[in-house]
Protein backbone atom coordinates (compact mmCIF):
# COMPACT_ATOMS: atom_id res chain seq x y z
CA SER A 1 3.70 -12.76 23.95
CA ARG A 2 4.24 -9.19 22.71
CA VAL A 3 3.11 -5.98 24.24
CA VAL A 4 3.35 -2.32 23.30
CA ASN A 5 3.54 -0.25 26.49
CA SER A 6 1.16 2.74 26.74
CA LYS A 7 2.20 6.05 28.29
CA ARG A 8 2.36 5.81 32.09
CA ALA A 9 1.33 2.24 32.13
CA ASP A 10 3.09 -0.55 34.04
CA LEU A 11 4.85 -2.66 31.42
CA SER A 12 5.45 -5.58 33.78
CA LYS A 13 1.83 -5.94 34.50
CA GLY A 14 1.05 -5.74 30.87
CA ILE A 15 3.47 -8.43 29.94
CA ARG A 16 2.32 -10.79 32.68
CA ALA A 17 -1.37 -10.30 31.69
CA LYS A 18 -0.40 -11.13 28.09
CA ILE A 19 1.58 -14.22 28.90
CA GLU A 20 -1.24 -15.56 31.19
CA SER A 21 -3.70 -14.93 28.29
CA ASP A 22 -1.61 -16.56 25.70
CA ALA A 23 -0.87 -19.61 27.97
CA LEU A 24 -4.57 -20.05 28.61
CA ARG A 25 -5.36 -19.99 24.91
CA ILE A 26 -2.76 -22.74 24.20
CA LYS A 27 -3.90 -24.90 27.03
CA THR A 28 -7.45 -24.68 25.95
CA GLY A 29 -6.62 -25.29 22.34
CA SER A 30 -7.72 -22.05 20.88
CA VAL A 31 -4.52 -21.87 18.85
CA LEU A 32 -2.68 -24.45 16.58
CA GLY A 33 -5.92 -26.38 15.78
CA GLY A 34 -7.19 -27.67 19.19
CA PRO A 35 -5.99 -28.86 22.57
CA SER A 36 -3.22 -31.47 22.87
CA GLU A 37 -1.73 -32.71 26.06
CA PRO A 38 2.08 -33.15 25.66
CA LYS A 39 3.58 -36.36 26.84
CA ALA A 40 5.22 -36.39 30.30
CA GLY A 41 8.78 -35.04 30.14
CA THR A 42 8.42 -33.65 26.56
CA LEU A 43 7.34 -30.01 27.39
CA VAL A 44 9.81 -27.33 28.17
CA LYS A 45 8.51 -23.97 29.39
CA THR A 46 10.82 -21.06 28.66
CA TYR A 47 10.21 -17.51 29.51
CA VAL A 48 12.53 -14.92 27.97
CA GLY A 49 12.14 -11.28 28.67
CA HIS A 50 13.12 -8.50 26.31
CA THR A 51 12.16 -4.80 26.55
CA ARG A 52 13.42 -2.00 24.42
CA PHE A 53 12.63 1.55 23.33
CA ALA A 54 12.10 2.40 19.72
CA THR A 55 15.17 4.59 19.04
CA SER A 56 14.70 5.08 15.31
CA SER A 57 11.07 4.57 14.76
CA ILE A 58 7.64 4.82 16.51
CA ALA A 59 6.61 2.14 19.02
CA SER A 60 4.47 -0.22 17.27
CA PHE A 61 3.19 -3.71 17.59
CA ASP A 62 4.94 -5.18 14.56
CA GLY A 63 8.19 -3.76 15.94
CA THR A 64 8.00 -5.64 19.26
CA HIS A 65 10.07 -8.64 20.05
CA PRO A 66 10.27 -11.54 19.72
CA HIS A 67 10.05 -11.82 16.03
CA GLN A 68 8.90 -14.73 13.93
CA TRP A 69 8.92 -14.84 10.21
CA THR A 70 7.48 -18.32 9.47
CA PRO A 71 4.48 -19.56 11.51
CA PRO A 72 4.44 -22.97 13.11
CA ARG A 73 4.68 -25.63 10.41
CA LEU A 74 4.80 -29.46 10.39
CA TRP A 75 8.03 -30.97 9.09
CA ARG A 76 9.21 -34.65 9.44
CA CYS A 77 12.06 -34.43 12.09
CA TYR A 78 14.43 -36.94 13.76
CA ASP A 79 14.92 -37.06 17.45
CA LEU A 80 18.58 -36.51 17.91
CA SER A 81 18.68 -37.17 21.73
CA GLY A 82 19.92 -40.68 21.26
CA LYS A 83 16.69 -42.36 22.13
CA VAL A 84 16.62 -46.04 20.97
CA ARG A 85 13.83 -46.69 18.43
CA ASP A 86 11.89 -49.74 17.75
CA ARG A 87 13.07 -51.99 15.05
CA GLY A 88 11.32 -51.26 11.69
CA GLN A 89 10.09 -47.83 13.05
CA SER A 90 10.52 -44.87 10.79
CA GLY A 91 12.98 -42.62 12.56
CA SER A 92 11.24 -39.27 11.59
CA THR A 93 7.97 -37.99 12.99
CA PRO A 94 5.84 -34.99 12.11
CA THR A 95 7.04 -32.16 14.26
CA LEU A 96 5.87 -28.62 14.66
CA VAL A 97 8.72 -26.29 13.80
CA GLU A 98 9.00 -22.58 14.59
CA ASN A 99 11.60 -20.12 15.58
CA PHE A 100 11.61 -16.77 17.45
CA ILE A 101 14.41 -14.24 17.86
CA THR A 102 15.17 -11.02 19.83
CA HIS A 103 17.70 -8.69 18.55
CA ASN A 104 19.36 -5.44 19.33
CA GLY A 105 21.37 -3.67 16.46
CA ASP A 106 21.23 -3.20 12.77
CA PHE A 107 20.76 -5.70 9.97
CA ASP A 108 21.48 -3.95 6.75
CA PHE A 109 23.05 -6.55 4.42
CA TYR A 110 23.77 -10.36 4.05
CA GLU A 111 26.87 -11.74 2.37
CA LEU A 112 26.67 -14.91 0.39
CA ASN A 113 29.25 -16.45 -2.03
CA GLY A 114 31.17 -13.26 -2.27
CA MET A 115 28.05 -11.13 -2.98
CA SER A 116 26.48 -8.57 -0.62
CA TYR A 117 22.64 -8.20 -0.57
CA GLY A 118 20.81 -5.31 0.91
CA LEU A 119 17.84 -5.62 3.40
CA ASP A 120 15.20 -4.96 0.71
CA SER A 121 16.49 -7.74 -1.55
CA LEU A 122 16.74 -10.11 1.40
CA GLN A 123 13.24 -9.39 2.58
CA ALA A 124 11.83 -10.18 -0.92
CA TRP A 125 13.98 -13.21 -1.25
CA LEU A 126 12.70 -14.50 2.20
CA GLU A 127 9.09 -14.33 1.02
CA ARG A 128 9.92 -16.52 -1.91
CA VAL A 129 11.91 -19.08 0.00
CA THR A 130 9.51 -19.40 3.03
CA SER A 131 6.28 -18.82 1.00
CA TYR A 132 5.18 -16.35 3.71
CA GLU A 133 4.80 -12.69 3.32
CA MET A 134 7.13 -10.49 5.44
CA PRO A 135 5.52 -10.16 8.89
CA SER A 136 7.11 -6.76 9.61
CA ALA A 137 9.35 -4.23 7.69
CA VAL A 138 11.73 -3.94 10.73
CA ASP A 139 15.22 -5.47 10.08
CA SER A 140 14.96 -7.92 13.13
CA ALA A 141 12.11 -9.79 11.40
CA ALA A 142 14.39 -10.54 8.47
CA ILE A 143 16.86 -12.06 10.93
CA ALA A 144 13.89 -14.30 12.05
CA GLY A 145 13.57 -15.43 8.48
CA VAL A 146 17.28 -16.20 7.99
CA VAL A 147 17.19 -18.21 11.13
CA ASP A 148 14.31 -20.13 9.59
CA ILE A 149 16.61 -21.13 6.85
CA LEU A 150 19.66 -21.92 8.99
CA HIS A 151 17.94 -23.89 11.61
CA THR A 152 17.63 -27.42 9.96
CA GLN A 153 19.13 -29.99 12.53
CA GLY A 154 17.11 -33.22 12.43
CA CYS A 155 15.13 -32.35 9.38
CA PHE A 156 16.25 -33.47 5.82
CA ALA A 157 13.58 -31.36 4.15
CA LEU A 158 14.74 -28.13 5.80
CA SER A 159 18.42 -29.16 5.34
CA ILE A 160 17.83 -29.52 1.58
CA ARG A 161 16.13 -26.09 1.55
CA TYR A 162 19.30 -24.68 3.30
CA ALA A 163 21.51 -26.29 0.78
CA VAL A 164 19.73 -24.93 -2.26
CA CYS A 165 19.20 -21.38 -0.76
CA LEU A 166 22.51 -20.86 1.19
CA GLY A 167 24.82 -23.86 1.07
CA LEU A 168 25.78 -24.39 -2.53
CA SER A 169 28.22 -22.43 -4.63
CA THR A 170 25.21 -21.66 -6.96
CA SER A 171 23.26 -20.19 -4.07
CA LYS A 172 22.35 -16.60 -4.44
CA ILE A 173 19.81 -14.05 -3.22
CA GLY A 174 17.35 -12.35 -5.44
CA GLY A 175 16.78 -12.99 -9.15
CA GLU A 176 13.84 -14.51 -10.83
CA VAL A 177 14.77 -18.18 -10.51
CA ASN A 178 11.74 -20.17 -9.36
CA LEU A 179 12.66 -21.93 -6.00
CA PRO A 180 11.35 -25.47 -5.14
CA ALA A 181 7.99 -25.65 -3.19
CA HIS A 182 7.52 -27.15 0.32
CA MET A 183 6.36 -30.33 -1.30
CA ASP A 184 9.47 -30.59 -3.31
CA TYR A 185 11.68 -30.50 -0.33
CA ALA A 186 9.50 -33.03 1.48
CA ARG A 187 9.45 -35.44 -1.51
CA LEU A 188 13.27 -35.31 -1.95
CA SER A 189 13.92 -35.76 1.67
CA GLN A 190 12.30 -39.17 1.53
CA PHE A 191 15.37 -40.52 -0.22
CA PHE A 192 17.73 -39.40 2.55
CA GLU A 193 15.23 -40.78 5.29
CA VAL A 194 15.00 -44.14 3.57
CA ALA A 195 18.79 -44.26 3.53
CA LEU A 196 19.25 -43.38 7.01
CA ASP A 197 16.41 -45.64 8.23
CA GLN A 198 17.80 -48.66 6.35
CA HIS A 199 21.35 -48.10 7.72
CA LEU A 200 20.00 -47.75 11.33
CA GLU A 201 17.88 -50.84 10.96
CA ARG A 202 20.79 -52.81 9.54
CA THR A 203 23.46 -51.72 11.97
CA GLY A 204 21.37 -51.14 15.13
CA HIS A 205 23.32 -47.83 15.73
CA ARG A 206 21.62 -44.91 17.39
CA ILE A 207 21.39 -41.75 15.17
CA ASP A 208 23.71 -39.70 17.48
CA PHE A 209 26.34 -42.30 17.03
CA LEU A 210 26.76 -41.32 13.40
CA SER A 211 27.91 -37.80 14.04
CA SER A 212 31.30 -39.18 15.20
CA MET A 213 31.73 -41.79 12.54
CA SER A 214 33.08 -40.51 9.34
CA GLU A 215 33.03 -43.83 7.60
CA GLU A 216 29.43 -44.35 8.39
CA ARG A 217 28.50 -40.95 7.04
CA GLN A 218 30.39 -41.62 3.92
CA PHE A 219 28.51 -44.85 3.48
CA LEU A 220 25.14 -43.06 3.89
CA GLU A 221 26.28 -40.37 1.31
CA GLU A 222 27.09 -42.99 -1.25
CA LEU A 223 23.77 -44.78 -0.69
CA VAL A 224 21.68 -41.51 -1.12
CA ILE A 225 23.58 -40.79 -4.25
CA SER A 226 22.83 -44.10 -5.64
CA LEU A 227 19.18 -43.61 -4.77
CA LEU A 228 19.13 -40.38 -6.56
CA SER A 229 21.11 -41.47 -9.58
CA PHE A 230 17.99 -41.56 -11.82
CA GLU A 231 16.00 -38.58 -10.14
CA LEU A 232 17.29 -35.85 -12.52
CA HIS A 233 15.30 -37.49 -15.50
CA ASP A 234 11.56 -37.56 -16.30
CA GLU A 235 9.55 -36.68 -13.18
CA GLY A 236 12.06 -37.50 -10.67
CA ALA A 237 12.32 -35.90 -7.17
CA LEU A 238 15.55 -33.99 -8.15
CA LEU A 239 13.97 -32.35 -11.17
CA PRO A 240 12.83 -29.11 -9.40
CA PHE A 241 16.38 -28.82 -8.16
CA ALA A 242 18.15 -29.34 -11.44
CA LYS A 243 18.55 -25.67 -12.17
CA PHE A 244 20.75 -25.39 -9.02
CA LEU A 245 23.07 -28.29 -9.76
CA THR A 246 26.04 -28.40 -12.06
CA ALA A 247 28.68 -30.95 -12.84
CA ASP A 248 30.87 -31.29 -9.73
CA GLU A 249 34.03 -30.45 -11.74
CA GLU A 250 32.36 -27.30 -13.12
CA GLY A 251 31.00 -25.53 -10.11
CA GLY A 252 31.22 -27.71 -7.13
CA ALA A 253 27.43 -27.72 -6.96
CA GLY A 254 26.74 -31.16 -8.38
CA VAL A 255 24.73 -34.07 -6.80
CA VAL A 256 27.66 -35.27 -4.62
CA CYS A 257 28.23 -31.80 -3.26
CA PHE A 258 24.45 -31.32 -2.85
CA VAL A 259 24.06 -34.56 -0.83
CA ARG A 260 26.96 -33.83 1.44
C-alpha cells in the first residue's frame, strides 16, 4: 500500500485508508484473478511501515516505498519447512512469488565478476532478465529487481536464472546476448525436480534433511548431470543455455559448475 502525502494532510490516516482499501480488494478477489481462501495456518499477515521525504527529487507515487520490480508470478516451488509429503507426490507446487523492498541510501553501481556496472546499465539489463519494464527510474526500484534475481530458495527455475545471470564466471550485465526465456528456465528445472523427487522417494528423506548431508547433495548433482548429458544437442533443454557454458577446465562455467 503506497501513499504520497499531500500538503497539511494526515499521513497516518492516508496510509490506514489505503491499507484497508487494498485488504478489501484482496479479500473480495478484485486482484490476482479472483478470491481464494488460504488454508488454515498458511496465511501470514505482515504490516511494515516506512515513511520518507524526497530529499533529491519531488515527491511522486512511483518514488514511494515499498518497491516491486516483478509483479506476482507463478513458479514451481518446494516447501522447505520439513513437511512430510505423500509417497509418489511431486515435491514442487505452483506458488505465487513476489518481492518488495524498502531502502534508504544510494544505489549507483553493481559489481559482478570484477566488473562495475552503473545504474543505467543495470536497469536496462533487469528489463531483459525479468521480461518486465522498469517500474520506476528511482534507484530503489533497481534493488527490488536485483532481489528478484537473488531470491531463489525452493525454486529450481529461479535458481537456474540466478546461475546464468549472476552465479557463473561467464555472467555479466549488459551486452546484446539473448537471455533464456521464462519457459526455458521452467523446462530445464524439470530435470532437477525429477532427480530430487526420485531421490526423496527412494530414501524417504525430508527435503530439509539434505541441506546438512554433503554426500546426498553430491549424489543429486551427479544424477542431474547424467540426466543433462545429452541436453546440449538437438533441441535439448540446455540448448538456450549453451552460450553461457564453457568447458569446465576453460572457464569454470561448464555443466558441472552450472549444476552445482
